[in-house]
């Protein structure tokens, strides 16, 4: 396990009121196994608050993972801030947890992720859903949603949806989890809560 994760763990163990600090450990853990073991251990000590119930955001196959990668369009190295889930365009997209829609807007304003929805789950936690198919959003800013409720349909095909798809090589959902506006690995984060990020079709 990375030394940075151990340092953060020691701080969390001496600060029983810091649920946020415990959650941020996920940013420091480099492996899913390490994140799961560390966070579950903290939960057993009563140092991690569960927060809202979580569910899978869509069905499909995991494709491009969270982490460093070369941009598929420019080749420039950078951080892929979410987990991509591949399926047919038109596949239902669901809210991953209870919350309030912060943003629900069409492209071309969103650039690389095209149409996107952002949901605030309180406590500094939010989720982002990118490459949403134009005309399928069923929520708008200010709406309250529940875990598992449909919010849109999957897009990402530039031939089918040239403006809303954003920078995309095919139908998929770009799914992010952010803590205080900093992205964390959504696969590791949801696994610690007992949720598989994509249910197979």
Protein backbone atom coordinates (compact mmCIF):
# COMPACT_ATOMS: atom_id res chain seq x y z
CA UNK A 1 0.00 0.00 0.00
CA UNK A 2 1.41 3.47 -0.82
CA UNK A 3 3.11 5.36 2.03
CA UNK A 4 0.87 8.36 1.40
CA UNK A 5 -2.19 6.20 2.15
CA UNK A 6 -0.63 5.00 5.40
CA UNK A 7 0.11 8.59 6.47
CA UNK A 8 -3.47 9.65 5.74
CA UNK A 9 -4.77 6.59 7.60
CA UNK A 10 -2.80 7.49 10.72
CA UNK A 11 -4.21 11.01 10.62
CA UNK A 12 -7.75 9.69 10.22
CA UNK A 13 -7.29 7.30 13.12
CA UNK A 14 -6.38 10.20 15.38
CA UNK A 15 -9.28 12.33 14.21
CA UNK A 16 -12.53 10.46 14.78
CA UNK A 17 -14.62 13.35 13.47
CA UNK A 18 -13.06 13.32 10.02
CA UNK A 19 -15.26 11.23 7.73
CA UNK A 20 -14.12 13.37 4.81
CA UNK A 21 -10.47 12.56 5.51
CA UNK A 22 -11.25 8.86 5.52
CA UNK A 23 -13.07 9.16 2.20
CA UNK A 24 -10.17 11.06 0.65
CA UNK A 25 -7.92 8.08 1.37
CA UNK A 26 -9.29 6.63 -1.85
CA UNK A 27 -7.40 9.29 -3.78
CA UNK A 28 -4.11 8.07 -2.31
CA UNK A 29 -4.64 4.34 -2.76
CA UNK A 30 -3.22 3.10 -6.03
CA UNK A 31 -5.00 -0.27 -6.14
CA UNK A 32 -8.63 -1.26 -5.79
CA UNK A 33 -7.70 -3.92 -3.24
CA UNK A 34 -5.74 -1.44 -1.13
CA UNK A 35 -8.58 1.06 -1.20
CA UNK A 36 -11.14 -1.56 -0.23
CA UNK A 37 -9.12 -2.96 2.65
CA UNK A 38 -8.21 0.44 4.04
CA UNK A 39 -11.68 2.00 3.83
CA UNK A 40 -13.46 -1.07 5.15
CA UNK A 41 -11.06 -1.15 8.10
CA UNK A 42 -11.87 2.49 8.87
CA UNK A 43 -15.59 1.78 8.54
CA UNK A 44 -15.24 -1.02 11.09
CA UNK A 45 -13.68 1.44 13.50
CA UNK A 46 -16.57 3.83 13.04
CA UNK A 47 -14.41 6.40 11.25
CA UNK A 48 -16.16 6.36 7.89
CA UNK A 49 -19.72 7.53 7.40
CA UNK A 50 -21.59 5.68 4.65
CA UNK A 51 -23.62 8.62 3.36
CA UNK A 52 -26.22 8.05 0.63
CA UNK A 53 -27.06 4.67 -0.88
CA UNK A 54 -25.27 4.02 -4.16
CA UNK A 55 -26.18 2.01 -7.26
CA UNK A 56 -24.74 1.28 -10.69
CA UNK A 57 -25.00 4.22 -13.14
CA UNK A 58 -25.65 2.08 -16.23
CA UNK A 59 -25.18 -1.34 -17.81
CA UNK A 60 -22.34 -2.33 -20.09
CA UNK A 61 -18.67 -3.23 -20.24
CA UNK A 62 -15.89 -1.34 -18.49
CA UNK A 63 -13.64 0.27 -21.09
CA UNK A 64 -11.20 3.14 -20.52
CA UNK A 65 -10.31 3.27 -16.81
CA UNK A 66 -9.59 6.13 -14.42
CA UNK A 67 -5.98 7.26 -14.47
CA UNK A 68 -3.25 8.53 -16.78
CA UNK A 69 -3.66 7.93 -20.50
CA UNK A 70 -2.95 9.52 -23.86
CA UNK A 71 -5.88 11.50 -25.24
CA UNK A 72 -7.40 9.37 -28.05
CA UNK A 73 -7.78 12.46 -30.25
CA UNK A 74 -4.62 14.48 -29.57
CA UNK A 75 -2.23 11.87 -28.17
CA UNK A 76 -1.37 14.25 -25.33
CA UNK A 77 -0.85 12.49 -21.94
CA UNK A 78 -3.25 13.46 -19.18
CA UNK A 79 -5.61 12.24 -16.47
CA UNK A 80 -8.73 10.37 -17.51
CA UNK A 81 -10.89 11.55 -14.63
CA UNK A 82 -13.58 8.89 -14.86
CA UNK A 83 -14.49 5.34 -15.78
CA UNK A 84 -15.91 4.69 -19.24
CA UNK A 85 -18.73 2.15 -19.61
CA UNK A 86 -19.43 0.91 -23.14
CA UNK A 87 -22.84 -0.15 -24.45
CA UNK A 88 -25.32 0.71 -27.22
CA UNK A 89 -26.38 4.31 -27.62
CA UNK A 90 -29.79 4.69 -26.00
CA UNK A 91 -28.89 2.53 -22.97
CA UNK A 92 -30.45 3.97 -19.81
CA UNK A 93 -28.27 6.09 -17.49
CA UNK A 94 -29.19 6.25 -13.79
CA UNK A 95 -28.35 8.49 -10.84
CA UNK A 96 -25.69 6.68 -8.84
CA UNK A 97 -26.96 8.09 -5.52
CA UNK A 98 -29.60 10.41 -4.05
CA UNK A 99 -28.87 14.05 -4.70
CA UNK A 100 -29.71 17.31 -6.43
CA UNK A 101 -28.91 17.96 -10.08
CA UNK A 102 -26.32 20.72 -10.20
CA UNK A 103 -25.96 20.84 -13.96
CA UNK A 104 -27.77 19.33 -16.93
CA UNK A 105 -26.69 20.95 -20.15
CA UNK A 106 -26.30 20.10 -23.84
CA UNK A 107 -23.17 20.43 -25.99
CA UNK A 108 -21.30 22.03 -27.61
CA UNK A 109 -20.58 23.95 -24.41
CA UNK A 110 -19.20 20.90 -22.63
CA UNK A 111 -16.33 20.22 -25.01
CA UNK A 112 -14.71 16.80 -24.64
CA UNK A 113 -17.55 15.11 -22.69
CA UNK A 114 -20.37 16.58 -24.77
CA UNK A 115 -23.78 16.62 -23.08
CA UNK A 116 -23.35 16.07 -19.37
CA UNK A 117 -25.18 15.90 -16.06
CA UNK A 118 -23.65 16.68 -12.66
CA UNK A 119 -25.36 15.58 -9.43
CA UNK A 120 -24.49 16.91 -5.97
CA UNK A 121 -24.76 14.25 -3.25
CA UNK A 122 -23.85 16.63 -0.38
CA UNK A 123 -20.77 16.40 1.82
CA UNK A 124 -18.59 17.55 -1.08
CA UNK A 125 -19.39 14.45 -3.16
CA UNK A 126 -20.68 14.75 -6.72
CA UNK A 127 -20.98 12.55 -9.81
CA UNK A 128 -20.65 13.47 -13.48
CA UNK A 129 -22.24 11.69 -16.45
CA UNK A 130 -20.71 12.53 -19.84
CA UNK A 131 -21.61 11.83 -23.50
CA UNK A 132 -25.36 11.80 -22.78
CA UNK A 133 -27.48 11.36 -25.90
CA UNK A 134 -29.06 14.62 -27.08
CA UNK A 135 -32.76 14.93 -26.28
CA UNK A 136 -32.81 12.19 -23.62
CA UNK A 137 -32.19 14.15 -20.41
CA UNK A 138 -35.19 13.80 -18.10
CA UNK A 139 -33.76 16.05 -15.36
CA UNK A 140 -32.75 19.67 -15.09
CA UNK A 141 -30.77 21.77 -12.64
CA UNK A 142 -32.43 21.84 -9.23
CA UNK A 143 -34.22 18.50 -9.58
CA UNK A 144 -33.90 16.04 -6.69
CA UNK A 145 -33.09 12.47 -7.79
CA UNK A 146 -32.86 9.12 -6.05
CA UNK A 147 -30.31 6.35 -6.49
CA UNK A 148 -31.24 4.22 -9.50
CA UNK A 149 -33.65 6.72 -11.07
CA UNK A 150 -33.17 7.24 -14.81
CA UNK A 151 -31.69 10.61 -15.76
CA UNK A 152 -30.85 10.15 -19.46
CA UNK A 153 -29.63 7.74 -22.14
CA UNK A 154 -26.10 6.88 -23.23
CA UNK A 155 -24.64 8.65 -26.26
CA UNK A 156 -21.13 9.12 -27.61
CA UNK A 157 -21.56 8.31 -31.31
CA UNK A 158 -20.42 11.37 -33.29
CA UNK A 159 -22.28 10.26 -36.43
CA UNK A 160 -25.55 9.83 -34.52
CA UNK A 161 -25.10 12.91 -32.30
CA UNK A 162 -22.36 15.18 -33.70
CA UNK A 163 -22.75 17.98 -31.15
CA UNK A 164 -23.78 16.11 -28.01
CA UNK A 165 -21.23 13.29 -28.27
CA UNK A 166 -18.23 15.50 -27.52
CA UNK A 167 -14.81 13.92 -28.06
CA UNK A 168 -15.82 10.28 -28.21
CA UNK A 169 -14.86 7.26 -30.28
CA UNK A 170 -18.17 5.43 -29.78
CA UNK A 171 -21.21 4.86 -27.59
CA UNK A 172 -20.31 4.94 -23.89
CA UNK A 173 -20.91 6.74 -20.59
CA UNK A 174 -18.10 8.71 -18.99
CA UNK A 175 -18.77 8.40 -15.24
CA UNK A 176 -16.95 10.41 -12.57
CA UNK A 177 -16.96 10.60 -8.78
CA UNK A 178 -15.57 13.84 -7.37
CA UNK A 179 -14.80 14.76 -3.76
CA UNK A 180 -14.47 18.51 -3.20
CA UNK A 181 -14.25 18.78 -7.00
CA UNK A 182 -11.24 16.44 -7.15
CA UNK A 183 -11.76 13.22 -9.15
CA UNK A 184 -11.26 9.83 -7.48
CA UNK A 185 -11.29 6.36 -9.03
CA UNK A 186 -15.04 5.63 -9.32
CA UNK A 187 -14.50 1.87 -9.63
CA UNK A 188 -12.58 1.70 -6.34
CA UNK A 189 -14.93 4.16 -4.63
CA UNK A 190 -18.11 2.24 -5.44
CA UNK A 191 -16.54 -1.14 -4.72
CA UNK A 192 -15.88 -0.03 -1.13
CA UNK A 193 -19.63 0.62 -0.88
CA UNK A 194 -20.48 -2.81 -2.27
CA UNK A 195 -21.58 -1.54 -5.69
CA UNK A 196 -20.39 -2.84 -9.06
CA UNK A 197 -19.95 0.16 -11.29
CA UNK A 198 -21.52 -1.40 -14.40
CA UNK A 199 -24.07 -4.17 -14.48
CA UNK A 200 -23.54 -6.42 -17.48
CA UNK A 201 -26.33 -6.11 -20.11
